Amino acid sequence: MSSNNDNRLTKPRYRAPYESEWKEVSWEWALDKIAKNVKTSRDKSFRLINDKGQSVNRTEGIASVGSAALDNEECYLYQKFLRGLGLVYIEHQARI
């Protein structure tokens, strides 16, 4: 399959919860929606201290599985971004 395929989607689509139809949305709307969802999930699950009273500053409501298509530098930047959000559940599939 080529990136020049006429059937390839070029704009994001969104399907609201409990809806059956997808609707085309702008890139700006889609990225804002993703950012809001990440922020909401992070805020709900962020922990400053664990049960032992130790400072942990992490979110336990978001996890990530990286892509083997990323090169070493991209993986490093992606991991730094995720750690900056407070993620601790970060996995990568390069070893598969």
N, C-alpha and C. Protein backbone atom coordinates (compact mmCIF):
# COMPACT_ATOMS: atom_id res chain seq x y z
N MET A 1 0.84 -1.18 0.00
CA MET A 1 0.00 0.00 0.00
C MET A 1 0.89 1.25 0.00
N SER A 2 0.51 2.19 -0.73
CA SER A 2 1.30 3.41 -0.88
C SER A 2 0.65 4.58 -0.16
N SER A 3 1.46 5.56 0.20
CA SER A 3 0.92 6.76 0.83
C SER A 3 0.16 7.60 -0.19
N ASN A 4 0.26 7.25 -1.45
CA ASN A 4 -0.44 7.98 -2.51
C ASN A 4 -1.77 7.33 -2.88
N ASN A 5 -2.23 6.41 -2.08
CA ASN A 5 -3.48 5.72 -2.35
C ASN A 5 -4.66 6.68 -2.24
N ASP A 6 -5.52 6.70 -3.24
CA ASP A 6 -6.69 7.59 -3.25
C ASP A 6 -7.67 7.30 -2.11
N ASN A 7 -7.62 6.09 -1.55
CA ASN A 7 -8.53 5.71 -0.47
C ASN A 7 -7.98 6.07 0.92
N ARG A 8 -6.77 6.57 0.97
CA ARG A 8 -6.14 6.89 2.25
C ARG A 8 -6.82 8.11 2.88
N LEU A 9 -7.11 8.01 4.17
CA LEU A 9 -7.68 9.15 4.88
C LEU A 9 -6.63 10.23 5.05
N THR A 10 -7.02 11.47 4.83
CA THR A 10 -6.08 12.58 4.97
C THR A 10 -6.51 13.57 6.04
N LYS A 11 -7.69 13.36 6.59
CA LYS A 11 -8.19 14.22 7.66
C LYS A 11 -8.65 13.33 8.81
N PRO A 12 -8.52 13.83 10.04
CA PRO A 12 -8.94 13.00 11.18
C PRO A 12 -10.46 12.83 11.22
N ARG A 13 -10.86 11.73 11.78
CA ARG A 13 -12.29 11.46 11.99
C ARG A 13 -12.51 11.18 13.46
N TYR A 14 -13.73 11.47 13.91
CA TYR A 14 -14.07 11.30 15.32
C TYR A 14 -15.43 10.61 15.41
N ARG A 15 -15.51 9.66 16.32
CA ARG A 15 -16.78 9.00 16.61
C ARG A 15 -17.06 9.21 18.09
N ALA A 16 -18.09 9.96 18.39
CA ALA A 16 -18.44 10.27 19.77
C ALA A 16 -18.90 8.99 20.48
N PRO A 17 -18.77 8.96 21.81
CA PRO A 17 -19.24 7.80 22.55
C PRO A 17 -20.70 7.48 22.24
N TYR A 18 -20.98 6.22 22.06
CA TYR A 18 -22.32 5.68 21.79
C TYR A 18 -22.87 6.06 20.42
N GLU A 19 -22.08 6.67 19.58
CA GLU A 19 -22.50 7.00 18.22
C GLU A 19 -22.03 5.89 17.28
N SER A 20 -22.69 5.76 16.14
CA SER A 20 -22.28 4.75 15.18
C SER A 20 -21.58 5.34 13.97
N GLU A 21 -21.69 6.63 13.78
CA GLU A 21 -21.11 7.28 12.61
C GLU A 21 -19.86 8.09 12.97
N TRP A 22 -18.89 8.06 12.08
CA TRP A 22 -17.68 8.87 12.20
C TRP A 22 -17.93 10.19 11.50
N LYS A 23 -17.38 11.27 12.04
CA LYS A 23 -17.48 12.56 11.35
C LYS A 23 -16.08 13.13 11.15
N GLU A 24 -15.92 13.84 10.05
CA GLU A 24 -14.63 14.46 9.76
C GLU A 24 -14.47 15.70 10.62
N VAL A 25 -13.29 15.85 11.22
CA VAL A 25 -13.00 16.99 12.08
C VAL A 25 -11.68 17.62 11.63
N SER A 26 -11.42 18.82 12.09
CA SER A 26 -10.17 19.50 11.73
C SER A 26 -9.03 18.93 12.57
N TRP A 27 -7.81 19.11 12.08
CA TRP A 27 -6.64 18.69 12.84
C TRP A 27 -6.57 19.43 14.16
N GLU A 28 -6.88 20.72 14.15
CA GLU A 28 -6.84 21.51 15.38
C GLU A 28 -7.80 20.96 16.42
N TRP A 29 -9.02 20.64 15.98
CA TRP A 29 -10.02 20.09 16.90
C TRP A 29 -9.54 18.74 17.45
N ALA A 30 -9.01 17.88 16.58
CA ALA A 30 -8.57 16.55 16.99
C ALA A 30 -7.43 16.63 18.00
N LEU A 31 -6.44 17.49 17.74
CA LEU A 31 -5.32 17.61 18.67
C LEU A 31 -5.75 18.22 20.00
N ASP A 32 -6.66 19.18 19.95
CA ASP A 32 -7.20 19.74 21.20
C ASP A 32 -7.95 18.68 22.00
N LYS A 33 -8.72 17.85 21.32
CA LYS A 33 -9.49 16.78 21.98
C LYS A 33 -8.54 15.78 22.64
N ILE A 34 -7.48 15.40 21.94
CA ILE A 34 -6.50 14.47 22.50
C ILE A 34 -5.84 15.08 23.72
N ALA A 35 -5.42 16.35 23.62
CA ALA A 35 -4.76 17.02 24.74
C ALA A 35 -5.68 17.11 25.95
N LYS A 36 -6.94 17.43 25.74
CA LYS A 36 -7.90 17.52 26.85
C LYS A 36 -8.11 16.16 27.49
N ASN A 37 -8.21 15.11 26.68
CA ASN A 37 -8.41 13.76 27.22
C ASN A 37 -7.20 13.30 28.03
N VAL A 38 -6.00 13.58 27.54
CA VAL A 38 -4.78 13.22 28.27
C VAL A 38 -4.74 13.98 29.59
N LYS A 39 -5.01 15.28 29.54
CA LYS A 39 -4.98 16.11 30.76
C LYS A 39 -6.00 15.62 31.78
N THR A 40 -7.22 15.34 31.32
CA THR A 40 -8.27 14.85 32.23
C THR A 40 -7.86 13.54 32.89
N SER A 41 -7.36 12.60 32.09
CA SER A 41 -6.95 11.31 32.63
C SER A 41 -5.77 11.47 33.60
N ARG A 42 -4.81 12.30 33.21
CA ARG A 42 -3.64 12.52 34.07
C ARG A 42 -4.06 13.15 35.39
N ASP A 43 -4.91 14.16 35.35
CA ASP A 43 -5.34 14.84 36.57
C ASP A 43 -6.10 13.89 37.50
N LYS A 44 -6.91 13.00 36.92
CA LYS A 44 -7.70 12.07 37.74
C LYS A 44 -6.84 11.01 38.41
N SER A 45 -5.72 10.65 37.76
CA SER A 45 -4.93 9.52 38.27
C SER A 45 -3.56 9.92 38.81
N PHE A 46 -3.28 11.21 38.91
CA PHE A 46 -1.95 11.64 39.37
C PHE A 46 -1.80 11.44 40.87
N ARG A 47 -0.67 10.90 41.27
CA ARG A 47 -0.38 10.67 42.68
C ARG A 47 0.90 11.41 43.06
N LEU A 48 0.83 12.21 44.09
CA LEU A 48 2.01 12.91 44.59
C LEU A 48 2.83 12.00 45.50
N ILE A 49 2.12 11.21 46.34
CA ILE A 49 2.80 10.29 47.26
C ILE A 49 2.15 8.92 47.17
N ASN A 50 2.92 7.89 47.49
CA ASN A 50 2.37 6.53 47.48
C ASN A 50 1.82 6.19 48.86
N ASP A 51 1.40 4.95 49.03
CA ASP A 51 0.81 4.51 50.30
C ASP A 51 1.80 4.52 51.46
N LYS A 52 3.09 4.53 51.14
CA LYS A 52 4.13 4.56 52.18
C LYS A 52 4.52 5.98 52.54
N GLY A 53 3.89 6.97 51.87
CA GLY A 53 4.21 8.36 52.13
C GLY A 53 5.40 8.88 51.35
N GLN A 54 5.89 8.09 50.41
CA GLN A 54 7.04 8.49 49.59
C GLN A 54 6.58 9.33 48.41
N SER A 55 7.34 10.34 48.06
CA SER A 55 7.03 11.18 46.91
C SER A 55 7.24 10.39 45.62
N VAL A 56 6.19 10.31 44.79
CA VAL A 56 6.29 9.55 43.53
C VAL A 56 5.99 10.41 42.30
N ASN A 57 5.12 11.39 42.40
CA ASN A 57 4.79 12.28 41.28
C ASN A 57 4.59 11.52 39.98
N ARG A 58 3.55 10.72 39.92
CA ARG A 58 3.30 9.89 38.75
C ARG A 58 1.81 9.77 38.46
N THR A 59 1.52 9.39 37.22
CA THR A 59 0.15 9.09 36.85
C THR A 59 0.04 7.60 36.61
N GLU A 60 -1.00 7.01 37.12
CA GLU A 60 -1.19 5.57 36.98
C GLU A 60 -2.36 5.25 36.06
N GLY A 61 -2.92 6.28 35.42
CA GLY A 61 -4.08 6.08 34.56
C GLY A 61 -3.78 6.12 33.08
N ILE A 62 -2.51 6.25 32.73
CA ILE A 62 -2.11 6.29 31.32
C ILE A 62 -0.92 5.35 31.14
N ALA A 63 -0.92 4.61 30.05
CA ALA A 63 0.20 3.74 29.71
C ALA A 63 0.54 3.97 28.24
N SER A 64 1.72 3.54 27.84
CA SER A 64 2.13 3.71 26.45
C SER A 64 2.86 2.48 25.96
N VAL A 65 2.56 2.09 24.72
CA VAL A 65 3.31 1.05 24.04
C VAL A 65 3.93 1.71 22.82
N GLY A 66 5.25 1.78 22.79
CA GLY A 66 5.96 2.45 21.71
C GLY A 66 5.94 1.65 20.43
N SER A 67 6.49 2.22 19.40
CA SER A 67 6.48 1.61 18.08
C SER A 67 7.88 1.23 17.64
N ALA A 68 8.01 0.07 17.03
CA ALA A 68 9.29 -0.35 16.50
C ALA A 68 9.67 0.47 15.27
N ALA A 69 8.75 1.26 14.74
CA ALA A 69 9.03 2.10 13.57
C ALA A 69 9.79 3.37 13.94
N LEU A 70 9.90 3.68 15.22
CA LEU A 70 10.63 4.86 15.65
C LEU A 70 12.12 4.57 15.73
N ASP A 71 12.94 5.54 15.35
CA ASP A 71 14.37 5.35 15.50
C ASP A 71 14.79 5.68 16.93
N ASN A 72 16.05 5.48 17.25
CA ASN A 72 16.54 5.62 18.62
C ASN A 72 16.30 7.03 19.17
N GLU A 73 16.55 8.05 18.37
CA GLU A 73 16.38 9.43 18.83
C GLU A 73 14.90 9.75 19.08
N GLU A 74 14.02 9.26 18.20
CA GLU A 74 12.59 9.48 18.38
C GLU A 74 12.09 8.77 19.64
N CYS A 75 12.59 7.56 19.87
CA CYS A 75 12.21 6.83 21.09
C CYS A 75 12.66 7.58 22.34
N TYR A 76 13.86 8.14 22.29
CA TYR A 76 14.37 8.90 23.43
C TYR A 76 13.49 10.10 23.71
N LEU A 77 13.14 10.87 22.69
CA LEU A 77 12.28 12.05 22.87
C LEU A 77 10.88 11.66 23.35
N TYR A 78 10.34 10.60 22.77
CA TYR A 78 9.01 10.14 23.16
C TYR A 78 9.00 9.71 24.63
N GLN A 79 10.01 8.96 25.03
CA GLN A 79 10.13 8.51 26.42
C GLN A 79 10.26 9.69 27.37
N LYS A 80 11.06 10.70 27.00
CA LYS A 80 11.22 11.89 27.83
C LYS A 80 9.89 12.63 27.97
N PHE A 81 9.14 12.73 26.89
CA PHE A 81 7.83 13.37 26.92
C PHE A 81 6.90 12.62 27.87
N LEU A 82 6.85 11.30 27.75
CA LEU A 82 5.98 10.49 28.61
C LEU A 82 6.38 10.59 30.07
N ARG A 83 7.67 10.55 30.35
CA ARG A 83 8.14 10.69 31.73
C ARG A 83 7.80 12.07 32.27
N GLY A 84 7.85 13.08 31.40
CA GLY A 84 7.47 14.43 31.81
C GLY A 84 6.02 14.53 32.22
N LEU A 85 5.16 13.70 31.60
CA LEU A 85 3.75 13.65 31.99
C LEU A 85 3.56 12.88 33.29
N GLY A 86 4.57 12.12 33.69
CA GLY A 86 4.47 11.33 34.91
C GLY A 86 4.14 9.87 34.68
N LEU A 87 4.23 9.40 33.44
CA LEU A 87 3.93 8.00 33.16
C LEU A 87 5.01 7.09 33.72
N VAL A 88 4.60 5.96 34.25
CA VAL A 88 5.54 4.94 34.69
C VAL A 88 5.34 3.65 33.90
N TYR A 89 4.19 3.50 33.28
CA TYR A 89 3.90 2.30 32.50
C TYR A 89 4.21 2.59 31.04
N ILE A 90 5.49 2.44 30.69
CA ILE A 90 5.97 2.70 29.34
C ILE A 90 6.60 1.42 28.82
N GLU A 91 6.11 0.95 27.71
CA GLU A 91 6.62 -0.29 27.11
C GLU A 91 7.00 0.01 25.67
N HIS A 92 7.83 -0.84 25.11
CA HIS A 92 8.25 -0.68 23.74
C HIS A 92 8.29 -2.05 23.07
N GLN A 93 7.95 -2.11 21.80
CA GLN A 93 7.84 -3.41 21.12
C GLN A 93 9.03 -3.72 20.21
N ALA A 94 10.11 -2.97 20.33
CA ALA A 94 11.26 -3.19 19.43
C ALA A 94 11.87 -4.58 19.59
N ARG A 95 11.72 -5.17 20.75
CA ARG A 95 12.32 -6.48 20.97
C ARG A 95 11.50 -7.62 20.38
N ILE A 96 10.31 -7.31 19.91
CA ILE A 96 9.43 -8.37 19.36
C ILE A 96 9.90 -8.77 17.98
